[in-house]
């Protein structure tokens, strides 16, 4: 019977590249591409090595399953470039990666952005559509920020290499907040690195200040054994 491990990586609440070859993978520490009067705050990143606690009693001897990384930014539109005296504009942006090691594989990865109620109005999100693919492909994601008035349009974007099979997009209300999820289901082995980028465009009351948001990455690993090639091959 295959052994399944669940894990999660998350950050404390945060105040929110040139093109490369089509199938190059995203490094989550590379900030999103910005066009127009936009800026980001300092990146908030988390980087851990996931270890199999069942391989040894001494943590130093445990087998490394994966390197997992998560970075987030608040993207802000320059309020001097728009005419809305009440609201400011921007986006919550998150980038993640799972780099499998030592024969372990991953079957599911959920990138989440949680927004508290009463902090900002959602104007758009990316990715915005679920899809199913049969071969790796370049996935481009972008948000357009268009405050009222005649200011220049701002765009925040990124790309990553998407592996089969399915990327589902979910937006729902949860206890005390709103949750945006991109859920990947597939088969990624230790010679593949999963990466994802996602964002939510927002406006918020300028007096209250920028909203907080909680980025998170959940994942499901499978331990190598005699059945693993069938599961993750």
Protein backbone atom coordinates (compact mmCIF):
# COMPACT_ATOMS: atom_id res chain seq x y z
CA UNK A 1 0.00 0.00 0.00
CA UNK A 2 1.37 3.41 -0.91
CA UNK A 3 2.06 5.85 1.90
CA UNK A 4 0.58 9.33 1.54
CA UNK A 5 1.85 12.38 3.39
CA UNK A 6 0.10 15.73 3.67
CA UNK A 7 1.87 19.02 4.27
CA UNK A 8 1.31 22.76 4.26
CA UNK A 9 3.36 25.91 3.96
CA UNK A 10 2.03 29.33 4.87
CA UNK A 11 3.14 32.86 5.69
CA UNK A 12 1.98 35.29 8.32
CA UNK A 13 -0.47 37.84 6.90
CA UNK A 14 1.23 40.21 4.46
CA UNK A 15 0.37 43.84 3.60
CA UNK A 16 0.17 42.79 -0.25
CA UNK A 17 11.19 39.23 -16.05
CA UNK A 18 11.82 39.30 -19.05
CA UNK A 19 10.57 36.38 -21.14
CA UNK A 20 12.53 33.14 -20.98
CA UNK A 21 12.29 29.94 -23.07
CA UNK A 22 8.75 28.62 -23.26
CA UNK A 23 9.19 25.62 -20.94
CA UNK A 24 11.63 27.12 -18.42
CA UNK A 25 10.29 26.80 -14.87
CA UNK A 26 9.48 29.75 -12.62
CA UNK A 27 11.70 30.47 -9.63
CA UNK A 28 9.16 31.77 -7.06
CA UNK A 29 11.66 34.30 -5.69
CA UNK A 30 11.65 36.13 -9.05
CA UNK A 31 9.14 38.93 -8.60
CA UNK A 32 6.15 39.36 -10.90
CA UNK A 33 6.44 41.42 -14.08
CA UNK A 34 5.04 44.92 -13.67
CA UNK A 35 3.92 47.34 -16.39
CA UNK A 36 2.55 50.81 -15.77
CA UNK A 37 2.59 52.81 -12.51
CA UNK A 38 2.90 49.77 -10.21
CA UNK A 39 5.24 48.80 -7.40
CA UNK A 40 5.56 45.91 -4.95
CA UNK A 41 6.40 45.76 -1.28
CA UNK A 42 9.34 43.64 -0.12
CA UNK A 43 8.94 39.95 -0.95
CA UNK A 44 7.92 37.69 1.93
CA UNK A 45 9.36 34.24 1.27
CA UNK A 46 9.43 30.90 3.05
CA UNK A 47 11.74 28.03 2.08
CA UNK A 48 11.74 24.59 3.72
CA UNK A 49 12.99 21.06 3.16
CA UNK A 50 10.22 18.53 3.76
CA UNK A 51 11.59 15.34 5.37
CA UNK A 52 10.07 11.89 5.74
CA UNK A 53 9.63 11.44 9.49
CA UNK A 54 9.25 7.70 9.03
CA UNK A 55 12.74 7.13 7.63
CA UNK A 56 14.75 7.71 10.84
CA UNK A 57 14.29 8.65 14.48
CA UNK A 58 17.03 11.26 14.25
CA UNK A 59 15.77 14.25 12.20
CA UNK A 60 19.28 14.70 10.78
CA UNK A 61 19.02 11.26 9.16
CA UNK A 62 15.54 11.65 7.68
CA UNK A 63 15.22 11.52 3.91
CA UNK A 64 14.48 14.82 2.15
CA UNK A 65 11.25 14.53 0.15
CA UNK A 66 11.07 18.02 -1.38
CA UNK A 67 12.14 21.62 -1.27
CA UNK A 68 9.04 23.82 -0.94
CA UNK A 69 9.01 27.59 -1.45
CA UNK A 70 6.39 30.32 -1.22
CA UNK A 71 6.74 34.07 -1.88
CA UNK A 72 4.13 36.82 -1.77
CA UNK A 73 3.88 40.53 -2.60
CA UNK A 74 1.39 43.34 -2.32
CA UNK A 75 1.28 45.12 -5.68
CA UNK A 76 0.19 48.78 -5.45
CA UNK A 77 -0.98 51.20 -8.13
CA UNK A 78 0.51 54.69 -7.73
CA UNK A 79 -2.39 56.67 -6.22
CA UNK A 80 -0.97 59.87 -7.74
CA UNK A 81 -1.73 58.44 -11.19
CA UNK A 82 -5.49 57.96 -10.62
CA UNK A 83 -8.36 60.25 -9.64
CA UNK A 84 -10.27 58.14 -7.09
CA UNK A 85 -10.06 60.16 -3.88
CA UNK A 86 -11.54 57.37 -1.75
CA UNK A 87 -9.94 54.09 -2.88
CA UNK A 88 -6.49 52.75 -3.69
CA UNK A 89 -5.81 49.83 -6.05
CA UNK A 90 -3.49 46.87 -6.26
CA UNK A 91 -3.22 43.10 -6.06
CA UNK A 92 -2.33 40.26 -3.69
CA UNK A 93 0.23 38.11 -5.52
CA UNK A 94 1.68 34.70 -4.65
CA UNK A 95 4.29 32.40 -6.27
CA UNK A 96 5.10 28.85 -5.14
CA UNK A 97 7.23 25.83 -6.05
CA UNK A 98 7.65 22.17 -5.07
CA UNK A 99 10.93 20.50 -6.05
CA UNK A 100 10.68 16.76 -5.37
CA UNK A 101 13.71 14.74 -4.22
CA UNK A 102 14.86 11.12 -3.71
CA UNK A 103 12.12 9.35 -5.63
CA UNK A 104 9.17 11.00 -3.88
CA UNK A 105 6.37 12.42 -6.01
CA UNK A 106 3.50 14.83 -5.60
CA UNK A 107 -0.09 14.26 -6.71
CA UNK A 108 -1.77 17.47 -5.56
CA UNK A 109 -0.74 21.08 -4.84
CA UNK A 110 -3.11 23.86 -3.75
CA UNK A 111 -2.02 27.50 -3.91
CA UNK A 112 -4.32 29.64 -1.77
CA UNK A 113 -4.85 33.35 -1.15
CA UNK A 114 -7.14 34.20 1.74
CA UNK A 115 -8.61 37.70 2.10
CA UNK A 116 -10.39 38.83 5.28
CA UNK A 117 -13.95 40.18 5.03
CA UNK A 118 -14.17 43.94 5.09
CA UNK A 119 -10.64 44.45 3.76
CA UNK A 120 -10.79 45.35 0.10
CA UNK A 121 -13.09 44.61 -2.84
CA UNK A 122 -12.12 41.86 -5.28
CA UNK A 123 -11.92 43.16 -8.86
CA UNK A 124 -10.39 40.18 -10.64
CA UNK A 125 -8.21 37.10 -10.22
CA UNK A 126 -5.75 34.94 -12.11
CA UNK A 127 -5.69 32.14 -13.14
CA UNK A 128 -9.41 32.64 -13.78
CA UNK A 129 -10.29 29.46 -15.66
CA UNK A 130 -9.85 25.74 -14.95
CA UNK A 131 -8.16 23.61 -17.59
CA UNK A 132 -6.95 20.10 -18.33
CA UNK A 133 -3.78 19.39 -20.32
CA UNK A 134 -2.02 16.26 -21.60
CA UNK A 135 1.51 17.68 -22.00
CA UNK A 136 3.61 20.35 -20.23
CA UNK A 137 2.92 23.87 -21.44
CA UNK A 138 3.76 27.47 -20.64
CA UNK A 139 1.01 29.09 -18.58
CA UNK A 140 0.77 32.89 -18.60
CA UNK A 141 -1.21 34.63 -15.85
CA UNK A 142 -1.93 38.36 -15.61
CA UNK A 143 -4.07 40.98 -13.88
CA UNK A 144 -5.00 44.37 -15.34
CA UNK A 145 -5.41 47.28 -12.92
CA UNK A 146 -7.58 50.09 -14.30
CA UNK A 147 -8.46 52.72 -11.67
CA UNK A 148 -11.05 55.33 -12.67
CA UNK A 149 -9.89 58.32 -14.69
CA UNK A 150 -7.47 58.56 -17.57
CA UNK A 151 -4.45 57.01 -15.85
CA UNK A 152 -2.25 54.41 -17.54
CA UNK A 153 -3.33 50.79 -17.26
CA UNK A 154 -1.18 48.72 -14.91
CA UNK A 155 -0.47 45.03 -15.46
CA UNK A 156 1.06 42.43 -13.13
CA UNK A 157 1.95 39.11 -14.77
CA UNK A 158 4.06 35.97 -14.56
CA UNK A 159 4.47 32.61 -16.29
CA UNK A 160 5.27 29.08 -15.18
CA UNK A 161 5.60 25.61 -16.66
CA UNK A 162 2.34 23.77 -16.03
CA UNK A 163 2.39 19.97 -15.86
CA UNK A 164 -0.55 17.64 -16.62
CA UNK A 165 -3.24 16.86 -15.71
CA UNK A 166 -5.63 19.41 -14.21
CA UNK A 167 -5.59 22.94 -12.81
CA UNK A 168 -8.84 23.84 -11.04
CA UNK A 169 -9.77 27.40 -10.05
CA UNK A 170 -11.92 27.91 -6.96
CA UNK A 171 -13.20 31.11 -5.33
CA UNK A 172 -15.42 30.79 -2.28
CA UNK A 173 -16.46 32.39 0.97
CA UNK A 174 -15.04 30.82 4.12
CA UNK A 175 -15.22 31.59 7.83
CA UNK A 176 -14.25 35.26 8.28
CA UNK A 177 -12.89 35.60 4.76
CA UNK A 178 -12.76 34.88 1.04
CA UNK A 179 -10.56 32.11 -0.34
CA UNK A 180 -9.06 31.89 -3.82
CA UNK A 181 -7.53 28.50 -4.70
CA UNK A 182 -5.69 27.09 -7.72
CA UNK A 183 -5.69 23.31 -7.25
CA UNK A 184 -3.33 21.20 -9.34
CA UNK A 185 -3.91 17.45 -9.69
CA UNK A 186 -1.43 15.30 -11.58
CA UNK A 187 1.75 13.23 -11.36
CA UNK A 188 5.06 15.05 -10.75
CA UNK A 189 8.21 13.02 -10.05
CA UNK A 190 11.59 13.96 -8.58
CA UNK A 191 12.90 15.12 -11.97
CA UNK A 192 10.18 17.78 -12.22
CA UNK A 193 9.63 21.03 -10.31
CA UNK A 194 6.10 22.32 -9.89
CA UNK A 195 5.66 26.11 -9.84
CA UNK A 196 2.59 28.29 -9.76
CA UNK A 197 1.69 31.99 -9.76
CA UNK A 198 -1.67 33.47 -8.75
CA UNK A 199 -3.10 36.86 -7.89
CA UNK A 200 -6.22 38.76 -6.84
CA UNK A 201 -6.85 42.34 -8.00
CA UNK A 202 -8.42 44.59 -5.36
CA UNK A 203 -9.42 48.08 -4.35
CA UNK A 204 -9.46 49.29 -0.76
CA UNK A 205 -10.34 52.37 1.25
CA UNK A 206 -7.31 54.67 1.23
CA UNK A 207 -7.93 55.76 4.83
CA UNK A 208 -7.94 52.18 6.13
CA UNK A 209 -4.72 51.27 4.35
CA UNK A 210 -3.84 48.23 2.26
CA UNK A 211 -5.51 44.91 3.13
CA UNK A 212 -3.78 41.94 4.69
CA UNK A 213 -3.82 38.57 2.97
CA UNK A 214 -2.70 35.08 3.85
CA UNK A 215 -0.94 33.01 1.15
CA UNK A 216 -0.66 29.26 1.63
CA UNK A 217 0.51 26.14 -0.19
CA UNK A 218 -0.89 22.68 0.59
CA UNK A 219 0.45 19.53 -1.05
CA UNK A 220 0.19 15.73 -1.05
CA UNK A 221 3.35 13.61 -1.36
CA UNK A 222 3.61 9.89 -2.09
CA UNK A 223 6.48 7.87 -0.65
CA UNK A 224 8.47 5.68 -3.08
CA UNK A 225 7.78 1.95 -2.87
CA UNK A 226 7.05 -0.95 -5.23
CA UNK A 227 3.80 0.62 -6.33
CA UNK A 228 5.11 4.17 -6.87
CA UNK A 229 5.99 3.78 -10.58
CA UNK A 230 2.35 3.05 -11.29
CA UNK A 231 1.20 6.02 -9.23
CA UNK A 232 3.71 8.67 -10.30
CA UNK A 233 5.39 7.33 -13.42
